[in-house]
C-alpha atoms as a PDB file:
ATOM      1  CA  MET A   1       0.000   0.000   0.000  1.00  0.00           C
ATOM      2  CA  ALA A   2       2.846   2.389   0.807  1.00  0.00           C
ATOM      3  CA  ILE A   3       4.373   1.680  -2.598  1.00  0.00           C
ATOM      4  CA  LEU A   4       1.187   2.798  -4.349  1.00  0.00           C
ATOM      5  CA  ALA A   5       1.143   5.983  -2.290  1.00  0.00           C
ATOM      6  CA  LEU A   6       4.756   6.725  -3.205  1.00  0.00           C
ATOM      7  CA  LEU A   7       4.055   6.030  -6.871  1.00  0.00           C
ATOM      8  CA  GLY A   8       1.047   8.363  -6.748  1.00  0.00           C
ATOM      9  CA  LEU A   9       3.062  11.109  -5.072  1.00  0.00           C
ATOM     10  CA  GLY A  10       5.861  10.709  -7.604  1.00  0.00           C
ATOM     11  CA  PHE A  11       3.398  10.884 -10.485  1.00  0.00           C
ATOM     12  CA  MET A  12       1.738  14.008  -9.086  1.00  0.00           C
ATOM     13  CA  PHE A  13       5.131  15.640  -8.547  1.00  0.00           C
ATOM     14  CA  SER A  14       6.183  14.882 -12.108  1.00  0.00           C
ATOM     15  CA  VAL A  15       2.933  16.316 -13.519  1.00  0.00           C
ATOM     16  CA  VAL A  16       3.352  19.517 -11.489  1.00  0.00           C
ATOM     17  CA  LEU A  17       7.002  19.781 -12.500  1.00  0.00           C
ATOM     18  CA  PHE A  18       6.094  19.305 -16.166  1.00  0.00           C
ATOM     19  CA  ALA A  19       3.389  21.988 -15.937  1.00  0.00           C
ATOM     20  CA  VAL A  20       5.772  24.468 -14.290  1.00  0.00           C
ATOM     21  CA  LEU A  21       8.452  23.829 -16.915  1.00  0.00           C
ATOM     22  CA  ALA A  22       5.930  24.133 -19.761  1.00  0.00           C
ATOM     23  CA  VAL A  23       4.603  27.466 -18.474  1.00  0.00           C
ATOM     24  CA  GLY A  24       8.126  28.739 -17.862  1.00  0.00           C
ATOM     25  CA  GLY A  25       9.162  27.733 -21.366  1.00  0.00           C
ATOM     26  CA  LEU A  26       6.152  29.479 -22.881  1.00  0.00           C
ATOM     27  CA  LEU A  27       6.884  32.627 -20.890  1.00  0.00           C
ATOM     28  CA  LEU A  28      10.529  32.579 -21.965  1.00  0.00           C
ATOM     29  CA  TRP A  29       9.554  32.016 -25.602  1.00  0.00           C
ATOM     30  CA  GLY A  30       7.000  34.828 -25.454  1.00  0.00           C
ATOM     31  CA  TRP A  31       9.502  37.215 -23.905  1.00  0.00           C
ATOM     32  CA  PHE A  32      12.141  36.321 -26.520  1.00  0.00           C
ATOM     33  CA  TRP A  33       9.612  36.719 -29.343  1.00  0.00           C
ATOM     34  CA  TRP A  34       8.505  40.115 -27.970  1.00  0.00           C
ATOM     35  CA  LYS A  35      12.087  41.378 -27.772  1.00  0.00           C
ATOM     36  CA  THR A  36      13.020  40.218 -31.278  1.00  0.00           C
ATOM     37  CA  ARG A  37       9.850  41.156 -33.168  1.00  0.00           C
ATOM     38  CA  LYS A  38       9.885  43.859 -35.790  1.00  0.00           C
ATOM     39  CA  GLY A  39       8.102  46.923 -34.534  1.00  0.00           C
ATOM     40  CA  GLY A  40       5.252  48.096 -36.715  1.00  0.00           C
ATOM     41  CA  LYS A  41       5.665  48.684 -40.431  1.00  0.00           C
ATOM     42  CA  PRO A  42       9.107  48.392 -41.945  1.00  0.00           C
ATOM     43  CA  ALA A  43      10.924  51.659 -42.500  1.00  0.00           C
ATOM     44  CA  LYS A  44      10.638  53.146 -45.982  1.00  0.00           C
ATOM     45  CA  VAL A  45      13.813  52.472 -47.910  1.00  0.00           C
ATOM     46  CA  GLU A  46      14.988  55.325 -50.070  1.00  0.00           C
ATOM     47  CA  ASN A  47      15.705  54.155 -53.608  1.00  0.00           C
ATOM     48  CA  PRO A  48      18.228  56.483 -55.268  1.00  0.00           C
ATOM     49  CA  GLN A  49      17.229  55.334 -58.764  1.00  0.00           C
ATOM     50  CA  THR A  50      13.640  56.582 -58.469  1.00  0.00           C
ATOM     51  CA  GLU A  51      14.368  59.974 -56.960  1.00  0.00           C
ATOM     52  CA  THR A  52      14.516  63.011 -59.166  1.00  0.00           C
ATOM     53  CA  PRO A  53      17.917  64.691 -59.246  1.00  0.00           C
ATOM     54  CA  ALA A  54      18.271  68.023 -57.495  1.00  0.00           C
ATOM     55  CA  ARG A  55      18.333  70.979 -59.880  1.00  0.00           C
END
């Protein structure tokens, strides 16, 4: 009977540990994605071939 209780406690601990690691991994991924995302629209690139020359 004690063996079943220990197995149950070990299983519950592993499920909680897995949940904590999964949430931590998602938070870390979300933070990394937020820091490396491109903000808004891309900046307009000036194309020297299409500009009219200064007179």
